[in-house]
Every structure is written in structure tokens, then in C-alpha cells.
C-alpha atoms as a PDB file:
ATOM      1  CA  GLN A   1       2.573  12.732  12.219  1.00  0.00           C
ATOM      2  CA  TRP A   2       2.108   9.065  11.311  1.00  0.00           C
ATOM      3  CA  THR A   3      -0.394   9.854   8.593  1.00  0.00           C
ATOM      4  CA  PHE A   4       1.504  12.680   6.970  1.00  0.00           C
ATOM      5  CA  ALA A   5       5.117  11.550   7.489  1.00  0.00           C
ATOM      6  CA  VAL A   6       4.759   7.804   6.937  1.00  0.00           C
ATOM      7  CA  VAL A   7       1.481   6.894   5.249  1.00  0.00           C
ATOM      8  CA  THR A   8       1.626   9.716   2.711  1.00  0.00           C
ATOM      9  CA  PRO A   9       4.940   8.716   1.093  1.00  0.00           C
ATOM     10  CA  LEU A  10       4.033   5.019   1.255  1.00  0.00           C
ATOM     11  CA  TYR A  11       0.805   5.668  -0.628  1.00  0.00           C
ATOM     12  CA  VAL A  12       2.457   8.091  -3.045  1.00  0.00           C
ATOM     13  CA  GLY A  13       4.908   5.371  -4.050  1.00  0.00           C
ATOM     14  CA  ALA A  14       2.420   2.527  -4.235  1.00  0.00           C
ATOM     15  CA  GLY A  15      -0.348   4.606  -5.819  1.00  0.00           C
ATOM     16  CA  ALA A  16       1.846   6.073  -8.540  1.00  0.00           C
ATOM     17  CA  ALA A  17       3.229   2.651  -9.484  1.00  0.00           C
ATOM     18  CA  TRP A  18      -0.092   0.772  -9.460  1.00  0.00           C
ATOM     19  CA  ALA A  19      -1.811   3.453 -11.549  1.00  0.00           C
ATOM     20  CA  LEU A  20       0.504   2.569 -14.435  1.00  0.00           C
ATOM     21  CA  VAL A  21      -0.579  -1.060 -14.601  1.00  0.00           C
ATOM     22  CA  THR A  22      -3.893  -0.852 -16.445  1.00  0.00           C
ATOM     23  CA  PRO A  23      -2.734   1.584 -19.140  1.00  0.00           C
ATOM     24  CA  ALA A  24       0.430  -0.497 -19.646  1.00  0.00           C
ATOM     25  CA  LEU A  25      -1.658  -3.632 -20.062  1.00  0.00           C
ATOM     26  CA  VAL A  26      -3.903  -1.834 -22.559  1.00  0.00           C
ATOM     27  CA  ASP A  27      -0.817  -0.646 -24.437  1.00  0.00           C
ATOM     28  CA  ALA A  28       0.466  -4.242 -24.470  1.00  0.00           C
ATOM     29  CA  GLY A  29      -2.737  -5.348 -26.188  1.00  0.00           C
ATOM     30  CA  TRP A  30      -4.420  -7.164 -23.333  1.00  0.00           C
ATOM     31  CA  SER A  31      -8.200  -7.437 -23.609  1.00  0.00           C
ATOM     32  CA  GLN A  32     -10.419  -5.635 -21.133  1.00  0.00           C
ATOM     33  CA  ALA A  33     -11.671  -8.995 -19.874  1.00  0.00           C
ATOM     34  CA  ARG A  34      -8.146 -10.271 -19.178  1.00  0.00           C
ATOM     35  CA  ILE A  35      -7.154  -7.006 -17.481  1.00  0.00           C
ATOM     36  CA  GLY A  36     -10.265  -7.100 -15.300  1.00  0.00           C
ATOM     37  CA  ILE A  37      -9.849 -10.727 -14.303  1.00  0.00           C
ATOM     38  CA  VAL A  38      -6.135 -10.428 -13.556  1.00  0.00           C
ATOM     39  CA  THR A  39      -6.157  -7.057 -11.770  1.00  0.00           C
ATOM     40  CA  GLY A  40      -9.466  -7.608 -10.009  1.00  0.00           C
ATOM     41  CA  VAL A  41      -9.573 -11.305  -9.181  1.00  0.00           C
ATOM     42  CA  VAL A  42      -6.280 -13.103  -9.694  1.00  0.00           C
ATOM     43  CA  VAL A  43      -4.122 -10.603  -7.762  1.00  0.00           C
ATOM     44  CA  SER A  44      -6.632 -10.665  -4.904  1.00  0.00           C
ATOM     45  CA  LEU A  45      -5.848 -14.255  -3.996  1.00  0.00           C
ATOM     46  CA  PRO A  46      -2.183 -13.764  -3.007  1.00  0.00           C
ATOM     47  CA  ALA A  47      -3.137 -10.424  -1.458  1.00  0.00           C
ATOM     48  CA  VAL A  48      -5.562 -12.159   0.915  1.00  0.00           C
ATOM     49  CA  VAL A  49      -2.903 -14.687   1.873  1.00  0.00           C
ATOM     50  CA  ALA A  50      -0.338 -11.907   2.343  1.00  0.00           C
ATOM     51  CA  GLY A  51      -2.756 -10.007   4.553  1.00  0.00           C
ATOM     52  CA  LEU A  52      -3.294 -13.024   6.783  1.00  0.00           C
ATOM     53  CA  VAL A  53       0.427 -13.803   6.967  1.00  0.00           C
ATOM     54  CA  ALA A  54       1.364 -10.172   7.633  1.00  0.00           C
ATOM     55  CA  GLY A  55      -1.299  -9.966  10.330  1.00  0.00           C
ATOM     56  CA  GLY A  56       0.215 -12.985  12.052  1.00  0.00           C
ATOM     57  CA  PHE A  57       3.700 -11.535  11.777  1.00  0.00           C
ATOM     58  CA  VAL A  58       2.648  -8.201  13.304  1.00  0.00           C
ATOM     59  CA  SER A  59       2.214  -9.962  16.631  1.00  0.00           C
ATOM     60  CA  ARG A  60       5.383 -12.075  16.185  1.00  0.00           C
ATOM     61  CA  ILE A  61       7.973  -9.644  14.835  1.00  0.00           C
ATOM     62  CA  GLY A  62       6.172  -6.346  15.343  1.00  0.00           C
ATOM     63  CA  ARG A  63       4.928  -3.519  13.202  1.00  0.00           C
ATOM     64  CA  THR A  64       8.428  -2.336  12.304  1.00  0.00           C
ATOM     65  CA  GLY A  65       9.541  -5.736  11.064  1.00  0.00           C
ATOM     66  CA  VAL A  66       6.495  -6.189   8.876  1.00  0.00           C
ATOM     67  CA  LEU A  67       6.820  -2.626   7.570  1.00  0.00           C
ATOM     68  CA  ILE A  68      10.453  -3.202   6.602  1.00  0.00           C
ATOM     69  CA  ALA A  69       9.735  -6.574   4.994  1.00  0.00           C
ATOM     70  CA  GLY A  70       6.587  -5.381   3.234  1.00  0.00           C
ATOM     71  CA  GLY A  71       8.249  -2.187   2.034  1.00  0.00           C
ATOM     72  CA  ALA A  72      11.290  -4.063   0.728  1.00  0.00           C
ATOM     73  CA  LEU A  73       9.076  -6.569  -1.056  1.00  0.00           C
ATOM     74  CA  LEU A  74       7.001  -3.737  -2.511  1.00  0.00           C
ATOM     75  CA  ALA A  75      10.132  -2.059  -3.875  1.00  0.00           C
ATOM     76  CA  VAL A  76      11.280  -5.352  -5.412  1.00  0.00           C
ATOM     77  CA  ALA A  77       7.777  -5.994  -6.777  1.00  0.00           C
ATOM     78  CA  THR A  78       7.772  -2.530  -8.348  1.00  0.00           C
ATOM     79  CA  LEU A  79      11.014  -3.432 -10.100  1.00  0.00           C
ATOM     80  CA  GLY A  80       9.305  -6.642 -11.199  1.00  0.00           C
ATOM     81  CA  LEU A  81       6.721  -4.549 -13.034  1.00  0.00           C
ATOM     82  CA  LEU A  82       9.379  -2.941 -15.252  1.00  0.00           C
ATOM     83  CA  PRO A  83       9.143  -5.463 -18.119  1.00  0.00           C
ATOM     84  CA  LEU A  84       5.383  -4.939 -18.275  1.00  0.00           C
ATOM     85  CA  LEU A  85       5.762  -1.174 -18.013  1.00  0.00           C
ATOM     86  CA  GLY A  86       8.418  -1.274 -20.714  1.00  0.00           C
ATOM     87  CA  GLY A  87       6.014  -2.891 -23.171  1.00  0.00           C
ATOM     88  CA  ARG A  88       6.778  -6.581 -22.690  1.00  0.00           C
ATOM     89  CA  ALA A  89       3.738  -8.121 -21.042  1.00  0.00           C
ATOM     90  CA  PRO A  90       3.781 -11.898 -21.385  1.00  0.00           C
ATOM     91  CA  VAL A  91       0.831 -13.262 -19.460  1.00  0.00           C
ATOM     92  CA  ALA A  92       2.659 -15.518 -16.985  1.00  0.00           C
ATOM     93  CA  GLY A  93       5.405 -13.059 -16.063  1.00  0.00           C
ATOM     94  CA  SER A  94       3.004 -10.155 -15.807  1.00  0.00           C
ATOM     95  CA  VAL A  95       0.602 -12.081 -13.580  1.00  0.00           C
ATOM     96  CA  VAL A  96       3.448 -13.102 -11.254  1.00  0.00           C
ATOM     97  CA  ALA A  97       4.691  -9.498 -11.067  1.00  0.00           C
ATOM     98  CA  LEU A  98       1.211  -8.114 -10.414  1.00  0.00           C
ATOM     99  CA  CYS A  99       0.509 -10.730  -7.742  1.00  0.00           C
ATOM    100  CA  GLY A 100       3.812  -9.931  -6.045  1.00  0.00           C
ATOM    101  CA  PHE A 101       3.073  -6.227  -6.078  1.00  0.00           C
ATOM    102  CA  MET A 102      -0.412  -6.617  -4.635  1.00  0.00           C
ATOM    103  CA  ALA A 103       0.744  -9.096  -1.968  1.00  0.00           C
ATOM    104  CA  ALA A 104       3.511  -6.731  -0.825  1.00  0.00           C
ATOM    105  CA  TYR A 105       1.160  -3.745  -0.916  1.00  0.00           C
ATOM    106  CA  THR A 106      -1.299  -5.655   1.249  1.00  0.00           C
ATOM    107  CA  ALA A 107       1.418  -6.457   3.795  1.00  0.00           C
ATOM    108  CA  VAL A 108       2.278  -2.756   4.007  1.00  0.00           C
ATOM    109  CA  ASN A 109      -1.412  -1.940   4.409  1.00  0.00           C
ATOM    110  CA  VAL A 110      -1.683  -4.387   7.314  1.00  0.00           C
ATOM    111  CA  VAL A 111       0.904  -2.305   9.166  1.00  0.00           C
ATOM    112  CA  ILE A 112      -0.732   0.984   8.179  1.00  0.00           C
ATOM    113  CA  TYR A 113      -4.148  -0.124   9.382  1.00  0.00           C
ATOM    114  CA  THR A 114      -2.712  -1.676  12.553  1.00  0.00           C
ATOM    115  CA  VAL A 115      -0.990   1.578  13.495  1.00  0.00           C
ATOM    116  CA  ASN A 116      -4.113   3.522  12.506  1.00  0.00           C
ATOM    117  CA  MET A 117      -5.996   1.380  15.025  1.00  0.00           C
ATOM    118  CA  ASP A 118      -3.262   2.000  17.620  1.00  0.00           C
ATOM    119  CA  TYR A 119      -3.765   5.747  17.218  1.00  0.00           C
ATOM    120  CA  SER A 120      -7.553   5.562  17.370  1.00  0.00           C
ATOM    121  CA  ARG A 121      -8.884   6.696  20.729  1.00  0.00           C
ATOM    122  CA  PRO A 122     -11.440   4.328  22.289  1.00  0.00           C
ATOM    123  CA  ALA A 123     -14.094   7.045  22.619  1.00  0.00           C
ATOM    124  CA  THR A 124     -13.790   8.091  18.967  1.00  0.00           C
ATOM    125  CA  ALA A 125     -12.205   5.006  17.387  1.00  0.00           C
ATOM    126  CA  GLY A 126     -14.443   4.912  14.324  1.00  0.00           C
ATOM    127  CA  ALA A 127     -13.937   8.566  13.461  1.00  0.00           C
ATOM    128  CA  ASP A 128     -10.200   8.466  14.215  1.00  0.00           C
ATOM    129  CA  PHE A 129      -9.559   5.351  12.135  1.00  0.00           C
ATOM    130  CA  THR A 130     -11.659   6.699   9.273  1.00  0.00           C
ATOM    131  CA  MET A 131      -9.811  10.019   9.242  1.00  0.00           C
ATOM    132  CA  LEU A 132      -6.385   8.373   9.325  1.00  0.00           C
ATOM    133  CA  SER A 133      -7.366   5.981   6.541  1.00  0.00           C
ATOM    134  CA  ALA A 134      -9.107   8.619   4.431  1.00  0.00           C
ATOM    135  CA  VAL A 135      -6.034  10.845   4.284  1.00  0.00           C
ATOM    136  CA  GLY A 136      -3.955   7.953   2.970  1.00  0.00           C
ATOM    137  CA  LEU A 137      -6.541   7.022   0.373  1.00  0.00           C
ATOM    138  CA  ALA A 138      -6.890  10.609  -0.808  1.00  0.00           C
ATOM    139  CA  VAL A 139      -3.116  10.848  -1.176  1.00  0.00           C
ATOM    140  CA  SER A 140      -3.133   7.603  -3.157  1.00  0.00           C
ATOM    141  CA  PHE A 141      -5.751   8.951  -5.579  1.00  0.00           C
ATOM    142  CA  VAL A 142      -3.772  12.144  -6.157  1.00  0.00           C
ATOM    143  CA  ALA A 143      -0.498  10.212  -6.567  1.00  0.00           C
ATOM    144  CA  SER A 144      -2.167   7.906  -9.088  1.00  0.00           C
ATOM    145  CA  SER A 145      -3.332  10.838 -11.176  1.00  0.00           C
ATOM    146  CA  LEU A 146       0.004  12.620 -10.986  1.00  0.00           C
ATOM    147  CA  GLY A 147       1.885   9.413 -11.779  1.00  0.00           C
ATOM    148  CA  LEU A 148      -0.147   8.864 -14.919  1.00  0.00           C
ATOM    149  CA  ALA A 149       0.252  12.482 -15.993  1.00  0.00           C
ATOM    150  CA  LEU A 150       3.993  12.304 -15.427  1.00  0.00           C
ATOM    151  CA  ALA A 151       4.205   9.015 -17.332  1.00  0.00           C
ATOM    152  CA  ALA A 152       2.856  10.775 -20.425  1.00  0.00           C
ATOM    153  CA  GLY A 153       6.092  12.745 -20.528  1.00  0.00           C
ATOM    154  CA  VAL A 154       8.762  10.425 -19.114  1.00  0.00           C
ATOM    155  CA  GLY A 155       7.274   6.961 -19.591  1.00  0.00           C
ATOM    156  CA  TYR A 156       5.944   4.273 -17.307  1.00  0.00           C
ATOM    157  CA  PRO A 157       9.310   2.813 -16.226  1.00  0.00           C
ATOM    158  CA  ALA A 158      10.674   6.178 -15.071  1.00  0.00           C
ATOM    159  CA  VAL A 159       7.601   6.823 -12.926  1.00  0.00           C
ATOM    160  CA  ALA A 160       7.759   3.322 -11.456  1.00  0.00           C
ATOM    161  CA  LEU A 161      11.424   3.745 -10.573  1.00  0.00           C
ATOM    162  CA  ALA A 162      10.754   7.176  -9.082  1.00  0.00           C
ATOM    163  CA  SER A 163       7.881   5.751  -7.017  1.00  0.00           C
ATOM    164  CA  ILE A 164      10.357   3.640  -5.063  1.00  0.00           C
ATOM    165  CA  VAL A 165      11.873   6.806  -3.542  1.00  0.00           C
ATOM    166  CA  PRO A 166       8.808   7.932  -1.544  1.00  0.00           C
ATOM    167  CA  LEU A 167       8.076   4.316  -0.687  1.00  0.00           C
ATOM    168  CA  GLY A 168      11.549   3.956   0.825  1.00  0.00           C
ATOM    169  CA  ALA A 169      11.166   7.265   2.628  1.00  0.00           C
ATOM    170  CA  GLY A 170       7.873   6.131   4.134  1.00  0.00           C
ATOM    171  CA  VAL A 171       9.423   2.909   5.401  1.00  0.00           C
ATOM    172  CA  ALA A 172      12.447   4.775   6.807  1.00  0.00           C
ATOM    173  CA  LEU A 173      10.252   7.313   8.573  1.00  0.00           C
ATOM    174  CA  GLY A 174       7.980   4.539   9.822  1.00  0.00           C
ATOM    175  CA  VAL A 175      10.929   2.761  11.376  1.00  0.00           C
END
């Protein structure tokens, strides 16, 4: 139930929104080198910090609290991507928005992986955790593809805004 009712909509929302980033940056005229450095290296730094902070907060305020905070921040961060997705991609603003998105996404993932570990039985923990995680990742890949296909017809901003709906549903169901 956790994987299908909570993780699936969370990853649909996050996956559909993040899939728009690279094509939007290409459309905005960013070089491949800049896109690679920013989306592969620069955004990783705040994501690592967010993961450590979220991990500490899981034990302090609980899984639900971190899920609510991470989900809310991810929704706000998705809104922060709208200028970039609308064709305005100044370097500083875009980097801040991308870092915020990846940090919030990492906080949500801390909760997902923590609960996945909770549901893993000691005798089959590796297989259980892998199965729970694999379903979420598969959903994310499909959502990314569908989000990009949909964006061809309605545009990047519309898909990003729509991606907040399943994200919110995942948080609500997780609570």
C-alpha cells in the first residue's frame, strides 16, 4: 500500500517536473557543459546537506513531519522552476531553483527510503527494500517520459504545475 498509494504519486510528481529541466535548459541556450555541471554536480551539494538534515529530523520530528515539510518544499521548489520552464533561465536564479528542487526531493526521498526500510522484513530485508525502491524508480521513469510527451502539447509550465497535484496527493496519503 505504501509503495503504490504514497510513493507512486510522489515520484510521478517529482519525476514529471524534473524531466522538464534539461530540455528547458537546452531551449534556453545553455551549453551542454553548463547543464551537466549544474544538474550533475552543483545541485548535488545542497541535496547531500538536505539528506543529512532530513535524516536527523526523521528521528526528531518523525517521518510524517519530514514528509510534510519535504513535500511542501518540493511543491514550492517546483513553482520556483516556472521562470526557467517558461523560457527565462538566468544562471543564478535557475541554479537556486534547481538546488532548491533537488534538496527538497532528497528530503522526500529520505522519508521514502526510511519507510521502505521499516517495511523490509529482517529475513528478506535486501529483497524487500529493493522491490519497494524499484517500483518507485520505475514509476519515476514512466512519469518522466509521459511528462515530456505531455509538455510537447501543453508546454513545460503546465506540466510542472500539474505535477504538484500527485505530489500533494502522495504527501496527503503518506500522512
